[in-house]
Each structure stands twice: as C-alpha cells, then as structure tokens.
Protein backbone atom coordinates (compact mmCIF):
# COMPACT_ATOMS: atom_id res chain seq x y z
CA MET A 1 13.54 17.23 19.49
CA ALA A 2 10.35 15.17 19.62
CA THR A 3 7.03 16.38 18.21
CA PRO A 4 4.48 16.38 21.04
CA VAL A 5 1.11 14.67 21.06
CA VAL A 6 -1.49 17.42 20.90
CA ALA A 7 -4.49 15.63 22.40
CA THR A 8 -7.36 18.04 21.96
CA SER A 9 -10.70 18.09 20.20
CA THR A 10 -11.19 21.83 20.71
CA PHE A 11 -9.15 24.95 20.02
CA VAL A 12 -9.64 28.37 21.59
CA ALA A 13 -11.25 30.83 19.17
CA GLY A 14 -8.97 33.18 17.30
CA GLY A 15 -6.17 30.70 16.58
CA VAL A 16 -5.11 29.14 13.28
CA ARG A 17 -7.18 25.97 13.82
CA GLY A 18 -10.93 25.96 14.23
CA TYR A 19 -11.80 22.48 15.45
CA GLY A 20 -10.20 19.10 16.04
CA ARG A 21 -11.74 17.48 12.96
CA TYR A 22 -10.15 20.09 10.70
CA ALA A 23 -6.52 19.98 11.78
CA ASN A 24 -4.10 18.97 14.50
CA PRO A 25 -0.42 19.96 14.99
CA THR A 26 0.67 16.32 15.41
CA TRP A 27 -1.00 15.26 12.14
CA GLU A 28 0.56 18.24 10.42
CA ALA A 29 4.08 17.31 11.51
CA PHE A 30 3.63 13.82 10.06
CA GLU A 31 2.06 15.19 6.87
CA GLN A 32 4.94 17.62 6.35
CA ALA A 33 7.48 14.83 6.77
CA VAL A 34 5.76 12.53 4.26
CA GLY A 35 5.18 15.46 1.92
CA SER A 36 8.90 16.20 1.90
CA LEU A 37 9.57 12.57 0.92
CA GLU A 38 6.94 12.57 -1.84
CA GLY A 39 7.52 16.09 -3.15
CA GLY A 40 3.93 17.22 -2.63
CA THR A 41 1.20 18.14 -0.18
CA CYS A 42 0.16 15.16 1.95
CA LEU A 43 -2.91 14.59 4.09
CA SER A 44 -3.23 11.86 6.68
CA PHE A 45 -6.32 9.72 7.25
CA ALA A 46 -7.64 7.34 9.85
CA SER A 47 -6.71 4.32 7.70
CA GLY A 48 -5.34 3.41 4.32
CA MET A 49 -8.89 2.88 3.09
CA GLY A 50 -9.75 6.39 4.28
CA ALA A 51 -7.04 7.69 1.96
CA VAL A 52 -8.27 5.45 -0.87
CA SER A 53 -11.85 6.62 -0.45
CA ALA A 54 -10.88 10.28 -0.48
CA THR A 55 -8.64 9.83 -3.52
CA VAL A 56 -11.28 8.04 -5.56
CA ALA A 57 -13.80 10.74 -4.67
CA ALA A 58 -11.36 13.53 -5.56
CA LEU A 59 -10.37 12.05 -8.92
CA ALA A 60 -13.45 10.15 -10.12
CA GLY A 61 -16.30 11.55 -8.06
CA GLU A 62 -18.71 9.76 -5.76
CA ARG A 63 -21.53 9.18 -8.25
CA GLU A 64 -22.15 6.76 -11.06
CA GLY A 65 -20.85 7.62 -14.48
CA GLU A 66 -20.24 6.13 -17.89
CA GLU A 67 -16.47 6.54 -17.74
CA ALA A 68 -14.61 3.49 -16.49
CA VAL A 69 -12.02 3.01 -13.78
CA VAL A 70 -9.01 0.84 -14.66
CA VAL A 71 -7.73 -1.24 -11.73
CA PRO A 72 -5.02 -3.89 -11.16
CA SER A 73 -6.26 -7.42 -11.69
CA ASP A 74 -4.56 -8.46 -8.45
CA GLY A 75 -4.98 -5.15 -6.65
CA TYR A 76 -5.75 -4.88 -2.95
CA HIS A 77 -9.22 -6.41 -2.88
CA THR A 78 -10.82 -3.91 -0.47
CA ALA A 79 -9.73 -0.95 -2.60
CA VAL A 80 -11.01 -2.63 -5.76
CA ASP A 81 -14.30 -3.46 -4.03
CA LEU A 82 -14.70 0.19 -3.04
CA ILE A 83 -14.08 1.34 -6.62
CA THR A 84 -16.51 -1.26 -7.95
CA ARG A 85 -19.24 0.13 -5.70
CA LEU A 86 -19.02 3.48 -7.46
CA GLY A 87 -21.30 2.05 -10.10
CA ARG A 88 -18.88 2.91 -12.89
CA PRO A 89 -17.58 0.27 -15.33
CA VAL A 90 -14.44 -1.35 -13.90
CA ARG A 91 -11.71 -2.70 -16.17
CA SER A 92 -9.38 -5.14 -14.42
CA VAL A 93 -5.96 -5.43 -16.05
CA SER A 94 -2.53 -6.79 -15.13
CA MET A 95 -0.36 -3.78 -14.30
CA ALA A 96 2.64 -5.62 -15.79
CA ASP A 97 0.91 -5.78 -19.20
CA THR A 98 1.59 -2.23 -20.34
CA ASP A 99 -0.16 -2.57 -23.70
CA ALA A 100 -3.31 -3.95 -22.07
CA VAL A 101 -3.41 -1.13 -19.52
CA VAL A 102 -2.97 1.51 -22.23
CA ALA A 103 -5.73 -0.08 -24.31
CA ALA A 104 -8.05 -0.04 -21.29
CA LEU A 105 -7.60 3.72 -20.81
CA ASP A 106 -9.86 4.72 -23.70
CA GLY A 107 -13.05 6.17 -22.24
CA ALA A 108 -11.76 5.89 -18.66
CA ALA A 109 -11.97 8.48 -15.91
CA LEU A 110 -9.34 7.05 -13.57
CA LEU A 111 -6.37 4.70 -13.67
CA TRP A 112 -5.71 3.12 -10.27
CA VAL A 113 -2.18 1.73 -10.15
CA GLU A 114 -0.40 -0.40 -7.58
CA SER A 115 3.33 -0.85 -8.05
CA PRO A 116 4.37 -3.35 -6.92
CA THR A 117 0.91 -4.89 -6.81
CA ASN A 118 -0.33 -6.80 -3.79
CA PRO A 119 0.14 -9.77 -3.65
CA LEU A 120 1.52 -10.76 -7.09
CA LEU A 121 4.20 -8.04 -6.89
CA GLU A 122 3.84 -6.94 -10.51
CA VAL A 123 5.68 -3.72 -11.38
CA ALA A 124 4.04 -1.13 -13.62
CA ASP A 125 5.86 0.82 -16.33
CA LEU A 126 4.76 4.00 -14.63
CA PRO A 127 6.24 6.62 -17.03
CA THR A 128 4.61 4.95 -20.04
CA LEU A 129 1.25 4.55 -18.32
CA LEU A 130 1.23 8.13 -17.10
CA ASP A 131 2.08 9.47 -20.56
CA ALA A 132 -0.74 7.43 -22.06
CA ALA A 133 -3.20 8.53 -19.39
CA ARG A 134 -2.29 12.21 -19.80
CA SER A 135 -2.82 12.07 -23.55
CA ARG A 136 -6.33 10.71 -22.94
CA GLY A 137 -7.26 13.03 -20.08
CA VAL A 138 -7.36 10.16 -17.56
CA ARG A 139 -6.52 10.93 -13.92
CA VAL A 140 -4.02 8.61 -12.22
CA ALA A 141 -3.66 7.50 -8.61
CA VAL A 142 -0.77 5.28 -7.53
CA ASP A 143 -0.83 3.14 -4.41
CA ALA A 144 2.88 2.94 -3.59
CA THR A 145 2.50 1.33 -0.16
CA ALA A 146 4.71 -1.64 -1.02
CA ALA A 147 7.44 0.52 -2.57
CA THR A 148 7.49 3.41 -0.07
CA PRO A 149 8.69 6.89 -1.10
CA LEU A 150 12.27 5.62 -0.80
CA ARG A 151 11.80 3.33 -3.81
CA LEU A 152 9.10 5.08 -5.86
CA ARG A 153 7.85 8.68 -6.03
CA PRO A 154 4.84 8.67 -8.37
CA LEU A 155 4.27 12.43 -8.14
CA GLU A 156 7.65 12.99 -9.79
CA HIS A 157 6.39 10.98 -12.77
CA GLY A 158 3.21 13.05 -13.00
CA ALA A 159 0.68 11.01 -11.00
CA ASP A 160 -2.26 13.03 -9.71
CA VAL A 161 -2.25 11.38 -6.28
CA VAL A 162 0.01 8.97 -4.42
CA VAL A 163 -1.56 6.81 -1.72
CA HIS A 164 -0.01 4.91 1.17
CA ALA A 165 -1.38 2.73 3.91
CA ALA A 166 0.75 4.35 6.60
CA THR A 167 -0.18 1.34 8.72
CA LYS A 168 2.54 -0.54 6.80
CA TYR A 169 6.10 0.62 6.10
CA LEU A 170 5.78 4.32 6.90
CA SER A 171 4.97 3.69 10.57
CA GLY A 172 6.53 0.24 10.53
CA HIS A 173 5.62 -1.24 13.91
CA SER A 174 2.16 -2.84 13.51
CA ASP A 175 0.70 -0.61 16.21
CA LEU A 176 -1.60 1.83 14.38
CA LEU A 177 -3.99 2.36 11.47
CA MET A 178 -3.38 5.38 9.23
CA GLY A 179 -3.38 6.39 5.57
CA VAL A 180 -1.79 9.12 3.48
CA ALA A 181 -2.71 10.77 0.18
CA GLY A 182 -0.37 13.23 -1.52
CA THR A 183 -0.61 15.50 -4.54
CA THR A 184 1.11 18.44 -6.22
CA ASP A 185 -2.16 19.99 -7.39
CA ALA A 186 -3.76 22.57 -5.07
CA ASP A 187 -7.31 21.85 -6.25
CA THR A 188 -6.91 18.12 -5.70
CA ALA A 189 -5.47 18.79 -2.24
CA GLU A 190 -8.56 20.85 -1.41
CA ARG A 191 -10.82 18.03 -2.59
CA LEU A 192 -8.96 15.52 -0.44
CA LEU A 193 -9.22 17.82 2.57
CA ALA A 194 -12.93 18.45 2.00
CA HIS A 195 -13.61 14.71 1.81
CA ARG A 196 -11.65 14.03 4.99
CA THR A 197 -13.40 16.82 6.86
CA LEU A 198 -16.91 15.90 5.72
CA HIS A 199 -16.53 12.13 6.08
CA GLY A 200 -14.58 12.35 9.31
CA ALA A 201 -11.74 9.96 8.43
CA VAL A 202 -9.26 11.86 10.59
CA PRO A 203 -6.36 10.17 12.39
CA GLY A 204 -5.89 10.31 16.13
CA ALA A 205 -3.14 12.51 17.50
CA PHE A 206 -1.44 9.58 19.24
CA GLU A 207 -1.48 7.51 16.03
CA ALA A 208 0.05 10.42 14.11
CA TRP A 209 2.76 10.74 16.76
CA LEU A 210 3.56 7.03 16.54
CA ALA A 211 3.62 7.19 12.75
CA LEU A 212 6.04 10.10 12.77
CA ARG A 213 8.29 8.29 15.22
CA GLY A 214 8.23 5.21 13.03
CA LEU A 215 8.91 7.22 9.89
CA ARG A 216 12.24 8.36 11.28
CA THR A 217 13.62 4.81 11.01
CA LEU A 218 12.12 3.97 7.60
CA PRO A 219 15.45 3.99 5.70
CA VAL A 220 17.14 1.72 8.24
CA ARG A 221 14.20 -0.69 8.47
CA LEU A 222 13.64 -0.88 4.72
CA ASP A 223 17.30 -1.38 3.85
CA ARG A 224 17.64 -4.21 6.37
CA ALA A 225 14.40 -5.95 5.38
CA GLU A 226 15.11 -5.55 1.66
CA ALA A 227 18.59 -7.06 1.99
CA THR A 228 17.10 -10.03 3.83
CA ALA A 229 14.30 -10.39 1.26
CA ARG A 230 16.86 -10.71 -1.53
CA VAL A 231 18.63 -13.53 0.28
CA LEU A 232 15.41 -15.36 1.05
CA ALA A 233 14.07 -14.96 -2.49
CA ALA A 234 17.23 -16.51 -3.94
CA ARG A 235 17.13 -19.45 -1.54
CA LEU A 236 13.42 -20.00 -2.02
CA GLY A 237 13.94 -20.12 -5.78
CA ALA A 238 16.08 -23.24 -5.28
CA HIS A 239 13.80 -24.90 -2.72
CA GLU A 240 12.18 -28.13 -3.88
CA ALA A 241 8.91 -27.30 -2.08
CA VAL A 242 8.50 -23.99 -3.94
CA SER A 243 7.09 -23.90 -7.46
CA ARG A 244 7.46 -20.15 -8.06
CA VAL A 245 9.00 -17.10 -6.41
CA ARG A 246 7.65 -13.62 -7.08
CA TYR A 247 10.13 -10.92 -6.12
CA PRO A 248 10.71 -7.81 -8.27
CA GLY A 249 14.10 -7.06 -6.72
CA LEU A 250 12.99 -4.15 -4.55
CA GLY A 251 11.17 -3.83 -1.27
CA ALA A 252 10.64 -6.40 1.44
CA LEU A 253 7.66 -8.40 0.12
CA VAL A 254 8.18 -11.83 -1.40
CA SER A 255 5.38 -14.05 -2.67
CA ILE A 256 5.89 -17.77 -3.21
CA GLU A 257 3.77 -20.58 -4.60
CA VAL A 258 4.23 -24.01 -3.08
CA HIS A 259 3.66 -27.49 -4.40
CA GLY A 260 0.57 -29.16 -2.95
CA GLY A 261 -2.01 -26.41 -3.38
CA ALA A 262 -3.97 -24.57 -0.73
CA GLU A 263 -3.78 -27.31 1.89
CA ARG A 264 -0.01 -27.43 1.78
CA ALA A 265 0.27 -23.62 1.76
CA ASP A 266 -1.93 -23.43 4.86
CA ALA A 267 0.29 -26.00 6.60
CA VAL A 268 3.41 -24.00 5.80
CA ALA A 269 1.87 -20.75 7.06
CA ALA A 270 0.79 -22.46 10.28
CA GLY A 271 4.06 -24.32 10.72
CA THR A 272 6.47 -21.49 11.48
CA THR A 273 7.49 -20.24 14.90
CA LEU A 274 9.40 -17.01 14.18
CA TRP A 275 7.33 -15.98 11.19
CA VAL A 276 3.85 -14.94 12.36
CA GLN A 277 0.72 -15.89 10.40
CA ALA A 278 -1.09 -12.56 10.08
CA THR A 279 -2.66 -10.35 7.43
CA SER A 280 -0.49 -7.29 7.10
CA PHE A 281 2.98 -6.24 6.02
CA GLY A 282 5.59 -3.57 6.52
CA GLY A 283 6.36 -4.09 10.20
CA VAL A 284 9.62 -4.95 11.94
CA GLU A 285 8.42 -8.50 12.52
CA SER A 286 8.14 -11.04 9.69
CA LEU A 287 4.62 -12.13 8.70
CA LEU A 288 3.23 -14.64 6.24
CA GLU A 289 -0.17 -15.79 5.06
CA ARG A 290 -1.93 -17.63 2.26
CA ARG A 291 -3.76 -14.80 0.57
CA ARG A 292 -6.64 -16.84 -0.88
CA ARG A 293 -7.75 -17.75 2.62
CA TRP A 294 -9.69 -14.50 2.29
CA PRO A 295 -12.86 -15.13 0.21
CA SER A 296 -12.66 -11.63 -1.27
CA GLU A 297 -9.12 -12.05 -2.63
CA ARG A 298 -8.89 -11.77 -6.44
CA ASP A 299 -9.30 -14.97 -8.47
CA VAL A 300 -6.02 -14.35 -10.33
CA VAL A 301 -4.13 -15.00 -7.09
CA PRO A 302 -3.10 -18.69 -6.97
CA GLU A 303 -4.53 -20.80 -4.16
CA SER A 304 -1.04 -21.87 -3.12
CA LEU A 305 0.43 -18.36 -2.94
CA ILE A 306 1.98 -17.30 0.38
CA ARG A 307 2.87 -13.65 0.84
CA LEU A 308 5.94 -13.05 2.98
CA SER A 309 6.47 -9.71 4.68
CA VAL A 310 10.13 -9.74 5.62
CA GLY A 311 11.00 -8.00 8.87
CA ILE A 312 14.31 -7.10 10.47
CA GLU A 313 15.11 -10.32 12.34
CA ASP A 314 18.33 -12.21 11.62
CA VAL A 315 18.26 -13.63 8.10
CA GLU A 316 19.52 -17.06 9.15
CA ASP A 317 16.87 -17.35 11.85
CA LEU A 318 14.18 -16.46 9.34
CA TRP A 319 15.51 -18.92 6.79
CA ALA A 320 15.81 -21.80 9.25
CA ASP A 321 12.21 -21.32 10.39
CA LEU A 322 10.83 -21.03 6.87
CA ASP A 323 12.88 -23.91 5.51
CA ALA A 324 11.68 -26.17 8.34
CA ALA A 325 8.04 -25.35 7.61
CA LEU A 326 8.51 -25.94 3.88
CA THR A 327 10.26 -29.30 4.28
CA ARG A 328 8.15 -30.68 7.11
CA PRO A 329 6.05 -33.67 5.87
C-alpha cells in the first residue's frame, strides 16, 4: 500500500534508469500523483526555487534578451529576484489589474503569474490573461502554490507550466523542501528535465516519500484549514485593531494590516502562543509573520501587513490566541 523509499544513487546497468540524478522510483510516484491532479506531466525538484529556475529557463531561456518578463508586483520576492537577474526587462504589475497585465504583454517573452499572489492574495483573471498572452505569442507560467491543484488547475486554462513549492500545501507538514513543475507540452517537459539533470536540483528519495505521504491528506487538510480561515477572516474584519483584511475566499492564507504600523505588527506576531512566528505556509500548524521584516520583500507590501497561514488546530483556540495578541496593549 505504501510507496517505498528507494535510497540509491546507482542503478545496475541494463535497467530502465541510468543513474540517481536522472530518475528515482520514489520521485516518480510523487510526480505521477501530482500529474494526475494537474492533468499534465510533472517533475519534482529539490526546492520550489529549483522548479522556478527550471521553468524560467524552459520558457524564457537563461540568457539576456530584449523581450520582457511580466511579473506580479507583490510576487514571491525570491522568484522575482531570480527573474530580474536574467538581464531581461522586467515589468511589475498587479495581477488583479487585468487591463494593466494585458497592456504589459506587448513585446514580452514570459508572463509569470501567481494566483493568489503572496502575500497580498490578489487573484488573477487567468482565462483572460492566458487568451491575451496566446494571441501575442507570450509563454505563461503560473505559480499556484497558494491555491493548490484542488482550487486551481492552470494547465486546464492553457498555461504552459504550473509551479508549486511542494514544501507548502502539497506535502503539508513543514518537514521537507521540494518543488514541482508541470506541463502538457512534451517539448517543455524535456526542457524542464534537461535543466534539472544538468543543474542537479533533484529531490531526495526520503523527501519525495514524505511529500507523497503528505499529499494523500491534502483534501482533508485544505478543507479544514480553509473553513477555519473563513471564520477568522470574518472576525478579523470586525476587529478594532485591524485596518484591512485580505482574503479572496479560497485557500487558507489570510493577510491583515493592523493599526500602529510595523512596530505594532511585530508585537502582534511575537505575542501569540499557539500561532508560531515563522516564514512559511501550508503546514498543519498555524504560522504568522510580518512580511516586510524581510528587506527583500516588495515595496508594495504594507509595513503593517501580517500574513497568516491557517493550520488545522481548533478554530476557537486560534481565534482566542490571535485576539489576545491583537488587543494586548
């Protein structure tokens, strides 16, 4: 019933696999499972950034060019930094402003979408953006980490590649680093594989085994966390310490802005006992952090914004802890 961990770097000659950097049965089991969810061919990587790097290389190349890359204005800062280092022009646009994104596509090579974005949780009009990109010959990659394949399947809308940080919801237990890139195009799949093989961003067999085990409970975990997120978002919207709630109505991420600026937001993040102050999301435990504590975070992110990653603890316990931190003088 359980896929085994195949812990080997070397395969005997004459088999279907040549060497441990090329393939592994445990990776393949995880890739097949995610591929069935996404409706495409998926490859796993040593981290989410490994998947991002391979996707950018497959769709936009690894050399400078005159064609631009369009990115979310509040996109994951490390991914945007990687794209910026390509040497191509970078156009930063709010993914919620459909007209602005479409206008930015002229003369572009790649549209990099996050939906919802991280951490402002903006939702892209994906069908419209993909139609506009296709008509201009622009390739499209969608980072759907925050949505998961249970809430958004970009390949079904015509995206060239879907990307996930499997570290987050897919594995769901904050105990591994992995990434996934999926596509329906055989040539793109070959490019992704070539990049992974040459650059060596392969996952470990044990990490792949853990990720597959975590994936089996994704629907249960996501449904529970999402239901709790809805309750918390509604209560936070009425809290006198909160100036704004950002919650698109799906998923288990909620971002809030608090009165009192960065200093007050830091105090709230440090003042909880059940919520853990940490920089990730998608696990079974609830995390929070002020995103602008990171110097590389995008300037469009408010200083007082706290991102909440809702876990699967009891909703009343989570609310009591958060409410106490928000109301504490």
